[in-house]
Amino acid sequence: MGSDPQYAKWPLLPLAQHVFTLTNPYASKPLQQSAAKALQDAITEHKMAPFYKYLAHPTEGILNSVGEGSSNVPGKAPSRKNSVAAGMINTKNPTSSINLPWDEALYQQLHADNEKELEEFQKEEDEAVEKAGDTEIQAARGKRAEFWARVGDKDKAIAAHEDIFEKIGVLGTKIDLVLAIIRMGLFYGDKQLVKKQVARAKTLVETGGDWDRRNRLKAYEGLHNLTVRSYNLAAPLLLDSLSTFTSYELCTYSNLVVYAVLAGSVSLKRVDFKSKVVDAPEIKAILGDGEDKLLALSGAISAGPGVDAEMQDASSAPSAAKTTVVNLTTLGSSTEQAEAEMSVDFGSLAQLVSSLYNGRYKLFFQALALVEEQFLTQDRYLHEHKNWFVREMRLRAYQQLLQSYRVVGLDSMANDFGITVDFLDRDLAKFIAAGRIPCTIDRVSGRGVIETNRPDDKNKQYQDVVRQGDQLITKLQKYGQAVRLRGSERA
């Protein structure tokens, strides 16, 4: 067993969601008011002077780029502090009627409190250098690193964590430091930083990281893949994290369920979709109703592929249970979690999964609209790709229906989906033109039918071999000409 996770509390990722909510035109006014109050309370409680300035300063605050803040300097256009701000706010038509006011007196008080804390950290470190050993010195430096992460100074926080990383030799602590930097990248929406640090963490884990940190990294990497629209890579990582999730500093369990279900729904093949999403006990415990939910909660349904192989090897005792019990009463109860779990209505998500798998396409389209409204437009990780997600889910439903038929009537298919013939015609035409659906639409003859073109795999393989052979011959000819030319030059 490895040591307990360190540096796992700061920054508070829910605050980044509150910032997004303030600039989200799809958020309701009560929700924006709640987000503004939560931000103000957190800034005051945790003395977040740098973060307060980053958000609400009259000339430098990122919220002023969307009209936030109570003060403006005449003649000077508001500007964002840097391009990373786009990762925190809604960049598509950002708007808000709720202000995060700038209070100069409050900022000066917070800044003074921050300076006092820094002096105490420096004094503690100096005393450790004189009277104690390396462990005490690193502990003092760790407090300073966590301080910068807590108050919201990204650059100084990363620099402080990197400084500790270079001077410490414990592998578990090194991994914890990199995970903390990943959270800072997620907090500020810096995808390049997160990508770099995820690769760094994977390298460290492969050199001997313990099971807990390997498991936590799955959730981190899965969430990163979600933000960069790699849903096919995110799905297996997030789904595997459901049964052994402990990374409450990253997101709530409710959010993880939403991310895992959405990623799996849009990317998994039908067989995997059934086993890992539709029939998964961890998901049934949340999305199921009636008997299925009770069976999942009681552990009567096997966890199947959701259990990590290493965990199974470690749990070899006869008393070890081989089923997964999802205890809803303890979800979000970790002391490291910033905010308590909020009640979430999973009805639309459950209907999306069941209607897609069972082919009830009218209900599926209705559920997709509700999921977009309830989840995709409200979550900072999902909103950027919501249009892509909705389009891909429509495509998946079209493909699922059309692969079962040779000819389908437009009227019949439109009725199944609960949409008009004209909308279906236009929507299918886009996918057909892009080569996503192998079919043709015939409305000229008056029949109004869709004829599917079954792809000939053998003929396609033959064409691929011929094309690749031609390319190889061309390259060999060019190589032969170059060799002859160099030979003649030597002669």
Protein backbone atom coordinates (compact mmCIF):
# COMPACT_ATOMS: atom_id res chain seq x y z
CA MET A 1 0.00 0.00 0.00
CA GLY A 2 1.21 3.48 -0.78
CA SER A 3 1.13 6.56 1.39
CA ASP A 4 -1.97 8.68 1.75
CA PRO A 5 -2.52 11.24 -1.04
CA GLN A 6 -0.94 14.65 -0.46
CA TYR A 7 -1.62 18.06 -2.03
CA ALA A 8 -5.14 16.81 -2.87
CA LYS A 9 -7.32 19.67 -1.60
CA TRP A 10 -6.44 22.79 -3.57
CA PRO A 11 -7.53 24.37 -5.83
CA LEU A 12 -11.26 24.00 -5.28
CA LEU A 13 -12.51 22.95 -8.71
CA PRO A 14 -16.18 23.79 -7.97
CA LEU A 15 -15.17 27.46 -7.97
CA ALA A 16 -14.21 27.19 -11.64
CA GLN A 17 -17.70 25.85 -12.36
CA HIS A 18 -19.17 28.85 -10.53
CA VAL A 19 -17.13 31.23 -12.70
CA PHE A 20 -18.42 29.45 -15.79
CA THR A 21 -22.00 29.65 -14.51
CA LEU A 22 -21.70 33.42 -14.10
CA THR A 23 -20.93 33.82 -17.81
CA ASN A 24 -23.23 31.07 -19.08
CA PRO A 25 -26.27 32.42 -20.97
CA TYR A 26 -28.06 29.09 -20.43
CA ALA A 27 -27.81 29.34 -16.63
CA SER A 28 -30.86 30.57 -14.74
CA LYS A 29 -30.68 33.77 -12.73
CA PRO A 30 -31.06 31.97 -9.35
CA LEU A 31 -28.21 29.65 -10.33
CA GLN A 32 -26.00 32.61 -11.26
CA GLN A 33 -26.87 34.34 -7.99
CA SER A 34 -25.93 31.21 -6.09
CA ALA A 35 -22.64 30.97 -8.02
CA ALA A 36 -21.78 34.61 -7.30
CA LYS A 37 -22.46 34.15 -3.58
CA ALA A 38 -20.40 30.95 -3.47
CA LEU A 39 -17.48 32.75 -5.14
CA GLN A 40 -17.67 35.72 -2.79
CA ASP A 41 -17.85 33.48 0.27
CA ALA A 42 -14.92 31.33 -0.89
CA ILE A 43 -12.77 34.36 -1.73
CA THR A 44 -13.37 35.79 1.74
CA GLU A 45 -13.05 32.52 3.64
CA HIS A 46 -9.86 31.34 1.94
CA LYS A 47 -8.38 34.85 1.53
CA MET A 48 -8.05 34.47 -2.24
CA ALA A 49 -6.65 37.89 -3.10
CA PRO A 50 -4.90 36.84 -6.38
CA PHE A 51 -7.99 34.96 -7.58
CA TYR A 52 -10.27 37.88 -6.68
CA LYS A 53 -8.07 40.20 -8.72
CA TYR A 54 -7.94 37.67 -11.58
CA LEU A 55 -11.74 37.63 -11.74
CA ALA A 56 -13.11 41.02 -10.79
CA HIS A 57 -10.40 43.69 -11.12
CA PRO A 58 -11.82 46.71 -13.01
CA THR A 59 -9.20 46.56 -15.77
CA GLU A 60 -7.52 43.15 -15.50
CA GLY A 61 -10.34 40.86 -14.36
CA ILE A 62 -11.47 38.24 -16.86
CA LEU A 63 -15.12 38.78 -15.97
CA ASN A 64 -14.86 42.37 -17.21
CA SER A 65 -14.49 40.98 -20.73
CA VAL A 66 -18.17 40.00 -20.46
CA GLY A 67 -19.30 43.12 -18.63
CA GLU A 68 -18.67 41.99 -15.03
CA GLY A 69 -17.27 44.07 -12.23
CA SER A 70 -18.69 47.23 -10.72
CA SER A 71 -16.03 49.62 -11.98
CA ASN A 72 -14.70 50.48 -15.38
CA VAL A 73 -11.92 52.77 -16.46
CA PRO A 74 -13.14 55.27 -19.12
CA GLY A 75 -11.32 55.13 -22.42
CA LYS A 76 -9.68 51.77 -21.74
CA ALA A 77 -11.12 48.66 -23.31
CA PRO A 78 -11.46 45.71 -20.96
CA SER A 79 -9.01 42.94 -21.63
CA ARG A 80 -8.48 39.39 -20.49
CA LYS A 81 -5.49 38.63 -18.36
CA ASN A 82 -4.40 35.91 -20.74
CA SER A 83 -5.74 33.46 -23.28
CA VAL A 84 -6.23 30.79 -20.63
CA ALA A 85 -9.22 32.76 -19.33
CA ALA A 86 -11.20 31.27 -22.20
CA GLY A 87 -11.06 27.96 -20.35
CA MET A 88 -12.91 29.34 -17.33
CA ILE A 89 -15.69 31.36 -18.91
CA ASN A 90 -18.30 30.58 -21.52
CA THR A 91 -16.72 31.96 -24.68
CA LYS A 92 -19.84 31.52 -26.82
CA ASN A 93 -22.03 34.59 -26.32
CA PRO A 94 -21.01 35.07 -22.68
CA THR A 95 -23.47 37.14 -20.72
CA SER A 96 -24.56 37.65 -17.15
CA SER A 97 -26.86 39.92 -15.21
CA ILE A 98 -25.13 39.03 -11.93
CA ASN A 99 -22.09 41.06 -10.89
CA LEU A 100 -19.03 40.04 -8.93
CA PRO A 101 -18.25 43.53 -7.58
CA TRP A 102 -14.74 44.82 -7.02
CA ASP A 103 -14.06 46.01 -3.47
CA GLU A 104 -10.65 47.65 -3.18
CA ALA A 105 -10.73 47.62 0.63
CA LEU A 106 -11.53 43.91 0.68
CA TYR A 107 -8.72 43.18 -1.77
CA GLN A 108 -6.19 45.11 0.29
CA GLN A 109 -7.27 43.28 3.44
CA LEU A 110 -6.98 39.89 1.73
CA HIS A 111 -3.60 40.85 0.28
CA ALA A 112 -2.34 41.88 3.73
CA ASP A 113 -3.53 38.57 5.20
CA ASN A 114 -1.73 36.70 2.40
CA GLU A 115 1.53 38.54 3.10
CA LYS A 116 1.25 37.72 6.80
CA GLU A 117 0.77 34.02 6.02
CA LEU A 118 3.77 34.03 3.67
CA GLU A 119 5.95 35.56 6.38
CA GLU A 120 4.90 32.76 8.76
CA PHE A 121 5.74 30.12 6.15
CA GLN A 122 9.14 31.70 5.53
CA LYS A 123 9.85 31.84 9.27
CA GLU A 124 8.87 28.18 9.64
CA GLU A 125 11.12 27.18 6.75
CA ASP A 126 14.08 29.17 8.12
CA GLU A 127 13.69 27.50 11.50
CA ALA A 128 13.50 24.08 9.83
CA VAL A 129 16.71 24.79 7.90
CA GLU A 130 18.52 25.73 11.12
CA LYS A 131 17.16 23.18 13.59
CA ALA A 132 15.38 20.37 11.74
CA GLY A 133 15.88 18.01 8.83
CA ASP A 134 14.80 17.68 5.22
CA THR A 135 11.35 16.37 6.13
CA GLU A 136 10.46 19.50 8.08
CA ILE A 137 11.90 21.74 5.35
CA GLN A 138 9.80 20.03 2.68
CA ALA A 139 6.73 20.27 4.92
CA ALA A 140 7.20 24.04 5.21
CA ARG A 141 7.64 24.37 1.45
CA GLY A 142 4.58 22.18 0.92
CA LYS A 143 2.49 24.59 3.00
CA ARG A 144 3.63 27.46 0.76
CA ALA A 145 2.77 25.50 -2.40
CA GLU A 146 -0.69 24.68 -1.08
CA PHE A 147 -1.12 28.32 -0.04
CA TRP A 148 -0.58 29.55 -3.60
CA ALA A 149 -2.95 26.91 -4.94
CA ARG A 150 -5.54 27.91 -2.34
CA VAL A 151 -5.46 31.66 -3.03
CA GLY A 152 -5.54 31.16 -6.80
CA ASP A 153 -2.17 32.31 -8.11
CA LYS A 154 -1.61 29.79 -10.89
CA ASP A 155 1.98 30.63 -11.89
CA LYS A 156 3.36 30.79 -8.34
CA ALA A 157 1.47 27.65 -7.35
CA ILE A 158 2.90 25.65 -10.23
CA ALA A 159 6.40 27.00 -9.60
CA ALA A 160 6.16 26.06 -5.91
CA HIS A 161 4.98 22.54 -6.70
CA GLU A 162 7.73 22.10 -9.29
CA ASP A 163 10.31 23.26 -6.75
CA ILE A 164 9.20 20.57 -4.30
CA PHE A 165 9.10 17.98 -7.10
CA GLU A 166 12.75 18.62 -7.93
CA LYS A 167 13.89 18.32 -4.31
CA ILE A 168 11.94 15.28 -3.14
CA GLY A 169 12.65 11.62 -3.87
CA VAL A 170 9.45 9.86 -2.75
CA LEU A 171 7.64 8.59 -5.85
CA GLY A 172 4.16 8.78 -4.31
CA THR A 173 4.65 12.42 -3.36
CA LYS A 174 5.96 13.20 -6.85
CA ILE A 175 2.80 11.74 -8.37
CA ASP A 176 0.63 13.73 -5.94
CA LEU A 177 2.44 16.93 -6.95
CA VAL A 178 1.83 16.27 -10.66
CA LEU A 179 -1.84 15.49 -10.00
CA ALA A 180 -2.13 18.81 -8.16
CA ILE A 181 -0.67 20.61 -11.19
CA ILE A 182 -3.18 18.78 -13.42
CA ARG A 183 -6.00 20.10 -11.25
CA MET A 184 -4.64 23.62 -11.60
CA GLY A 185 -4.65 23.17 -15.36
CA LEU A 186 -8.25 21.92 -15.22
CA PHE A 187 -9.20 24.79 -12.92
CA TYR A 188 -7.96 27.43 -15.36
CA GLY A 189 -8.90 25.48 -18.51
CA ASP A 190 -5.26 25.14 -19.65
CA LYS A 191 -5.53 22.04 -21.84
CA GLN A 192 -1.92 22.05 -23.00
CA LEU A 193 -0.67 22.08 -19.41
CA VAL A 194 -3.03 19.23 -18.49
CA LYS A 195 -1.97 17.16 -21.50
CA LYS A 196 1.70 17.56 -20.64
CA GLN A 197 1.21 16.74 -16.96
CA VAL A 198 -1.02 13.72 -17.62
CA ALA A 199 1.75 12.22 -19.76
CA ARG A 200 4.21 13.04 -16.99
CA ALA A 201 2.03 11.37 -14.35
CA LYS A 202 1.62 8.23 -16.48
CA THR A 203 5.40 7.95 -16.77
CA LEU A 204 5.78 8.23 -13.00
CA VAL A 205 3.02 5.71 -12.30
CA GLU A 206 4.55 3.19 -14.69
CA THR A 207 7.81 3.32 -12.73
CA GLY A 208 6.13 1.98 -9.60
CA GLY A 209 3.08 3.97 -8.54
CA ASP A 210 0.74 2.30 -6.04
CA TRP A 211 -2.75 1.08 -6.92
CA ASP A 212 -4.58 4.07 -5.44
CA ARG A 213 -2.64 6.60 -7.48
CA ARG A 214 -2.99 4.51 -10.63
CA ASN A 215 -6.72 4.46 -10.08
CA ARG A 216 -6.91 8.20 -9.42
CA LEU A 217 -4.93 8.92 -12.57
CA LYS A 218 -7.59 7.08 -14.61
CA ALA A 219 -10.20 9.63 -13.56
CA TYR A 220 -7.83 12.54 -14.23
CA GLU A 221 -6.91 11.29 -17.69
CA GLY A 222 -10.51 10.44 -18.51
CA LEU A 223 -11.70 13.93 -17.60
CA HIS A 224 -8.91 15.49 -19.66
CA ASN A 225 -9.88 13.37 -22.69
CA LEU A 226 -13.44 14.54 -22.22
CA THR A 227 -12.40 18.21 -22.39
CA VAL A 228 -10.50 17.69 -25.67
CA ARG A 229 -13.36 15.72 -27.27
CA SER A 230 -11.61 12.34 -27.17
CA TYR A 231 -14.74 10.61 -25.90
CA ASN A 232 -13.58 7.25 -27.24
CA LEU A 233 -10.51 7.44 -24.99
CA ALA A 234 -12.39 8.95 -22.05
CA ALA A 235 -15.16 6.32 -21.92
CA PRO A 236 -13.15 3.25 -20.76
CA LEU A 237 -11.19 5.30 -18.22
CA LEU A 238 -14.25 6.95 -16.69
CA LEU A 239 -16.30 3.75 -16.67
CA ASP A 240 -13.47 1.85 -14.99
CA SER A 241 -13.23 4.59 -12.36
CA LEU A 242 -16.86 4.20 -11.26
CA SER A 243 -16.39 1.15 -9.06
CA THR A 244 -13.29 2.40 -7.23
CA PHE A 245 -13.65 6.20 -7.38
CA THR A 246 -11.82 8.13 -4.66
CA SER A 247 -10.83 11.34 -6.49
CA TYR A 248 -13.40 13.60 -4.86
CA GLU A 249 -10.98 16.51 -5.21
CA LEU A 250 -11.53 16.20 -8.97
CA CYS A 251 -15.33 16.01 -9.19
CA THR A 252 -18.33 14.57 -7.39
CA TYR A 253 -19.45 11.00 -7.98
CA SER A 254 -22.65 12.31 -9.59
CA ASN A 255 -20.60 14.24 -12.13
CA LEU A 256 -18.44 11.19 -12.82
CA VAL A 257 -21.55 9.13 -13.58
CA VAL A 258 -22.76 11.79 -16.01
CA TYR A 259 -19.38 12.01 -17.76
CA ALA A 260 -18.99 8.24 -17.98
CA VAL A 261 -22.50 7.63 -19.33
CA LEU A 262 -22.27 10.38 -21.94
CA ALA A 263 -18.82 9.30 -23.10
CA GLY A 264 -19.89 5.66 -23.30
CA SER A 265 -23.15 6.44 -25.08
CA VAL A 266 -21.49 8.30 -27.91
CA SER A 267 -18.38 6.17 -28.42
CA LEU A 268 -18.89 2.53 -27.43
CA LYS A 269 -20.04 -0.18 -29.81
CA ARG A 270 -23.46 -1.65 -29.10
CA VAL A 271 -22.14 -4.77 -27.35
CA ASP A 272 -19.82 -2.76 -25.10
CA PHE A 273 -22.52 -0.14 -24.59
CA LYS A 274 -24.82 -2.80 -23.13
CA SER A 275 -22.23 -4.42 -20.86
CA LYS A 276 -20.47 -1.27 -19.64
CA VAL A 277 -23.32 1.25 -19.54
CA VAL A 278 -26.78 -0.31 -19.82
CA ASP A 279 -26.07 -3.29 -17.54
CA ALA A 280 -23.26 -1.84 -15.40
CA PRO A 281 -24.21 -2.16 -11.70
CA GLU A 282 -22.55 1.14 -10.77
CA ILE A 283 -24.69 2.94 -13.34
CA LYS A 284 -27.85 0.96 -12.54
CA ALA A 285 -27.45 2.00 -8.91
CA ILE A 286 -27.76 5.62 -10.03
CA LEU A 287 -29.89 5.55 -13.19
CA GLY A 288 -31.95 2.43 -12.57
CA ASP A 289 -35.38 2.25 -11.03
CA GLY A 290 -37.33 -0.37 -9.17
CA GLU A 291 -35.90 -3.88 -8.99
CA ASP A 292 -32.75 -3.19 -11.06
CA LYS A 293 -31.69 -0.40 -8.73
CA LEU A 294 -32.26 -2.49 -5.62
CA LEU A 295 -30.26 -5.38 -7.09
CA ALA A 296 -27.39 -3.07 -7.99
CA LEU A 297 -27.36 -1.43 -4.56
CA SER A 298 -27.45 -4.79 -2.79
CA GLY A 299 -24.57 -6.14 -4.87
CA ALA A 300 -26.66 -8.90 -6.47
CA ILE A 301 -25.51 -7.77 -9.91
CA SER A 302 -21.89 -8.52 -10.73
CA ALA A 303 -19.59 -5.60 -11.38
CA GLY A 304 -18.03 -7.43 -14.34
CA PRO A 305 -15.40 -5.45 -16.22
CA GLY A 306 -15.77 -2.44 -13.96
CA VAL A 307 -13.35 -3.84 -11.39
CA ASP A 308 -9.70 -3.14 -11.91
CA ALA A 309 -7.59 -6.26 -12.51
CA GLU A 310 -5.01 -5.22 -9.97
CA MET A 311 -7.69 -4.77 -7.33
CA GLN A 312 -8.98 -8.28 -8.00
CA ASP A 313 -5.48 -9.71 -7.55
CA ALA A 314 -5.01 -7.82 -4.30
CA SER A 315 -8.37 -8.99 -2.92
CA SER A 316 -7.66 -12.70 -2.77
CA ALA A 317 -9.08 -13.32 0.70
CA PRO A 318 -12.16 -15.58 0.88
CA SER A 319 -14.17 -12.84 2.53
CA ALA A 320 -13.53 -10.40 -0.29
CA ALA A 321 -16.73 -9.62 -2.15
CA LYS A 322 -16.76 -10.10 -5.89
CA THR A 323 -19.70 -7.78 -6.46
CA THR A 324 -19.78 -4.05 -6.37
CA VAL A 325 -22.00 -2.30 -3.87
CA VAL A 326 -22.60 1.36 -4.50
CA ASN A 327 -23.35 2.98 -1.14
CA LEU A 328 -25.19 6.15 -1.99
CA THR A 329 -25.13 7.28 1.64
CA THR A 330 -21.35 7.68 1.56
CA LEU A 331 -20.93 9.21 -1.86
CA GLY A 332 -19.23 12.57 -1.52
CA SER A 333 -18.50 12.06 2.16
CA SER A 334 -14.72 12.25 1.70
CA THR A 335 -13.06 14.90 3.83
CA GLU A 336 -11.14 16.03 0.75
CA GLN A 337 -14.26 16.89 -1.20
CA ALA A 338 -14.83 20.61 -1.44
CA GLU A 339 -18.59 20.60 -1.62
CA ALA A 340 -21.27 18.14 -0.63
CA GLU A 341 -23.04 16.15 -3.31
CA MET A 342 -26.00 17.98 -4.75
CA SER A 343 -29.13 16.12 -5.72
CA VAL A 344 -29.19 15.47 -9.46
CA ASP A 345 -32.16 14.40 -11.55
CA PHE A 346 -30.82 11.54 -13.69
CA GLY A 347 -34.19 10.85 -15.35
CA SER A 348 -33.28 12.30 -18.73
CA LEU A 349 -29.93 10.51 -18.73
CA ALA A 350 -31.55 7.18 -17.87
CA GLN A 351 -34.11 7.67 -20.63
CA LEU A 352 -31.35 8.53 -23.11
CA VAL A 353 -29.52 5.26 -22.39
CA SER A 354 -32.56 2.98 -22.36
CA SER A 355 -34.30 4.51 -25.38
CA LEU A 356 -31.14 4.38 -27.49
CA TYR A 357 -30.45 0.75 -26.70
CA ASN A 358 -34.07 -0.37 -27.05
CA GLY A 359 -34.68 1.57 -30.28
CA ARG A 360 -37.37 3.94 -28.97
CA TYR A 361 -36.15 6.79 -31.09
CA LYS A 362 -38.92 9.31 -30.40
CA LEU A 363 -38.19 9.06 -26.67
CA PHE A 364 -34.48 9.15 -27.49
CA PHE A 365 -34.74 12.51 -29.26
CA GLN A 366 -36.79 13.91 -26.40
CA ALA A 367 -34.25 12.66 -23.86
CA LEU A 368 -31.37 14.06 -25.93
CA ALA A 369 -32.95 17.51 -25.83
CA LEU A 370 -33.38 17.27 -22.06
CA VAL A 371 -29.80 16.07 -21.57
CA GLU A 372 -28.53 18.99 -23.62
CA GLU A 373 -30.55 21.42 -21.54
CA GLN A 374 -29.78 19.88 -18.15
CA PHE A 375 -26.17 18.74 -18.52
CA LEU A 376 -24.42 19.80 -21.74
CA THR A 377 -25.22 23.50 -21.49
CA GLN A 378 -24.57 23.73 -17.74
CA ASP A 379 -21.25 21.93 -17.30
CA ARG A 380 -17.95 23.67 -18.05
CA TYR A 381 -16.36 20.47 -19.35
CA LEU A 382 -19.27 19.53 -21.63
CA HIS A 383 -20.56 22.83 -23.04
CA GLU A 384 -17.72 23.36 -25.50
CA HIS A 385 -18.56 20.19 -27.43
CA LYS A 386 -22.32 20.07 -26.89
CA ASN A 387 -23.22 20.66 -30.54
CA TRP A 388 -20.83 17.92 -31.62
CA PHE A 389 -22.23 15.54 -29.02
CA VAL A 390 -25.85 16.11 -30.03
CA ARG A 391 -24.95 15.66 -33.71
CA GLU A 392 -23.03 12.44 -33.05
CA MET A 393 -25.86 11.02 -30.96
CA ARG A 394 -28.36 11.73 -33.74
CA LEU A 395 -26.00 10.04 -36.18
CA ARG A 396 -25.71 7.02 -33.91
CA ALA A 397 -29.49 6.65 -33.75
CA TYR A 398 -29.83 6.99 -37.55
CA GLN A 399 -27.12 4.39 -38.13
CA GLN A 400 -28.66 1.99 -35.64
CA LEU A 401 -32.03 2.08 -37.37
CA LEU A 402 -30.79 2.04 -40.98
CA GLN A 403 -28.41 -0.89 -40.53
CA SER A 404 -31.43 -3.14 -39.94
CA TYR A 405 -33.17 -2.31 -43.22
CA ARG A 406 -32.44 -2.27 -46.92
CA VAL A 407 -35.13 0.32 -47.71
CA VAL A 408 -36.88 2.66 -45.28
CA GLY A 409 -39.62 5.16 -46.03
CA LEU A 410 -38.86 8.75 -45.13
CA ASP A 411 -42.32 9.22 -43.64
CA SER A 412 -41.97 6.08 -41.54
CA MET A 413 -38.51 6.99 -40.24
CA ALA A 414 -39.52 10.58 -39.50
CA ASN A 415 -42.51 9.29 -37.56
CA ASP A 416 -40.29 6.92 -35.55
CA PHE A 417 -38.05 9.82 -34.53
CA GLY A 418 -40.88 12.29 -33.95
CA ILE A 419 -39.51 14.83 -36.44
CA THR A 420 -40.62 16.26 -39.78
CA VAL A 421 -39.67 14.71 -43.10
CA ASP A 422 -37.91 17.90 -44.20
CA PHE A 423 -35.73 17.98 -41.07
CA LEU A 424 -34.85 14.32 -41.47
CA ASP A 425 -34.02 14.86 -45.14
CA ARG A 426 -31.70 17.78 -44.38
CA ASP A 427 -30.09 16.06 -41.41
CA LEU A 428 -29.41 12.80 -43.24
CA ALA A 429 -28.10 14.67 -46.29
CA LYS A 430 -25.29 16.17 -44.19
CA PHE A 431 -24.19 12.77 -42.90
CA ILE A 432 -24.49 11.14 -46.32
CA ALA A 433 -22.38 13.87 -47.95
CA ALA A 434 -19.74 13.42 -45.26
CA GLY A 435 -19.64 9.67 -45.86
CA ARG A 436 -20.93 8.88 -42.37
CA ILE A 437 -24.05 6.98 -43.51
CA PRO A 438 -23.88 4.67 -46.59
CA CYS A 439 -27.30 5.34 -48.10
CA THR A 440 -29.16 7.44 -50.67
CA ILE A 441 -32.40 9.38 -50.43
CA ASP A 442 -34.88 9.12 -53.31
CA ARG A 443 -37.51 11.86 -53.32
CA VAL A 444 -37.51 12.51 -57.05
CA SER A 445 -39.57 9.48 -58.00
CA GLY A 446 -42.19 10.41 -55.46
CA ARG A 447 -41.58 7.35 -53.32
CA GLY A 448 -39.64 9.18 -50.60
CA VAL A 449 -37.44 6.31 -49.51
CA ILE A 450 -33.97 5.80 -48.07
CA GLU A 451 -31.94 3.02 -49.66
CA THR A 452 -28.96 1.75 -47.68
CA ASN A 453 -25.79 0.80 -49.52
CA ARG A 454 -24.20 -2.15 -47.79
CA PRO A 455 -20.43 -1.66 -47.84
CA ASP A 456 -18.63 -4.48 -49.65
CA ASP A 457 -15.77 -5.22 -47.25
CA LYS A 458 -13.93 -7.57 -49.62
CA ASN A 459 -14.11 -5.12 -52.50
CA LYS A 460 -12.95 -2.31 -50.19
CA GLN A 461 -9.99 -4.38 -49.04
CA TYR A 462 -9.11 -5.12 -52.67
CA GLN A 463 -9.26 -1.43 -53.57
CA ASP A 464 -7.10 -0.55 -50.55
CA VAL A 465 -4.46 -3.13 -51.55
CA VAL A 466 -4.39 -1.82 -55.13
CA ARG A 467 -4.09 1.79 -53.96
CA GLN A 468 -1.36 1.01 -51.45
CA GLY A 469 0.47 -1.08 -54.07
CA ASP A 470 0.41 1.82 -56.53
CA GLN A 471 1.79 4.13 -53.84
CA LEU A 472 4.58 1.65 -53.04
CA ILE A 473 5.53 1.26 -56.71
CA THR A 474 5.68 5.03 -57.13
CA LYS A 475 7.95 5.38 -54.09
CA LEU A 476 10.24 2.60 -55.35
CA GLN A 477 10.49 4.21 -58.77
CA LYS A 478 11.45 7.54 -57.22
CA TYR A 479 13.99 5.80 -55.00
CA GLY A 480 15.49 3.97 -58.00
CA GLN A 481 15.82 7.20 -59.96
CA ALA A 482 17.57 8.87 -57.01
CA VAL A 483 20.01 5.96 -56.66
CA ARG A 484 20.87 6.00 -60.38
CA LEU A 485 21.37 9.75 -60.26
CA ARG A 486 23.79 9.54 -57.35
CA GLY A 487 25.68 6.67 -59.08
CA SER A 488 26.17 8.72 -62.23
CA GLU A 489 27.40 11.67 -60.15
CA ARG A 490 30.04 9.46 -58.51
CA ALA A 491 31.17 8.17 -61.89
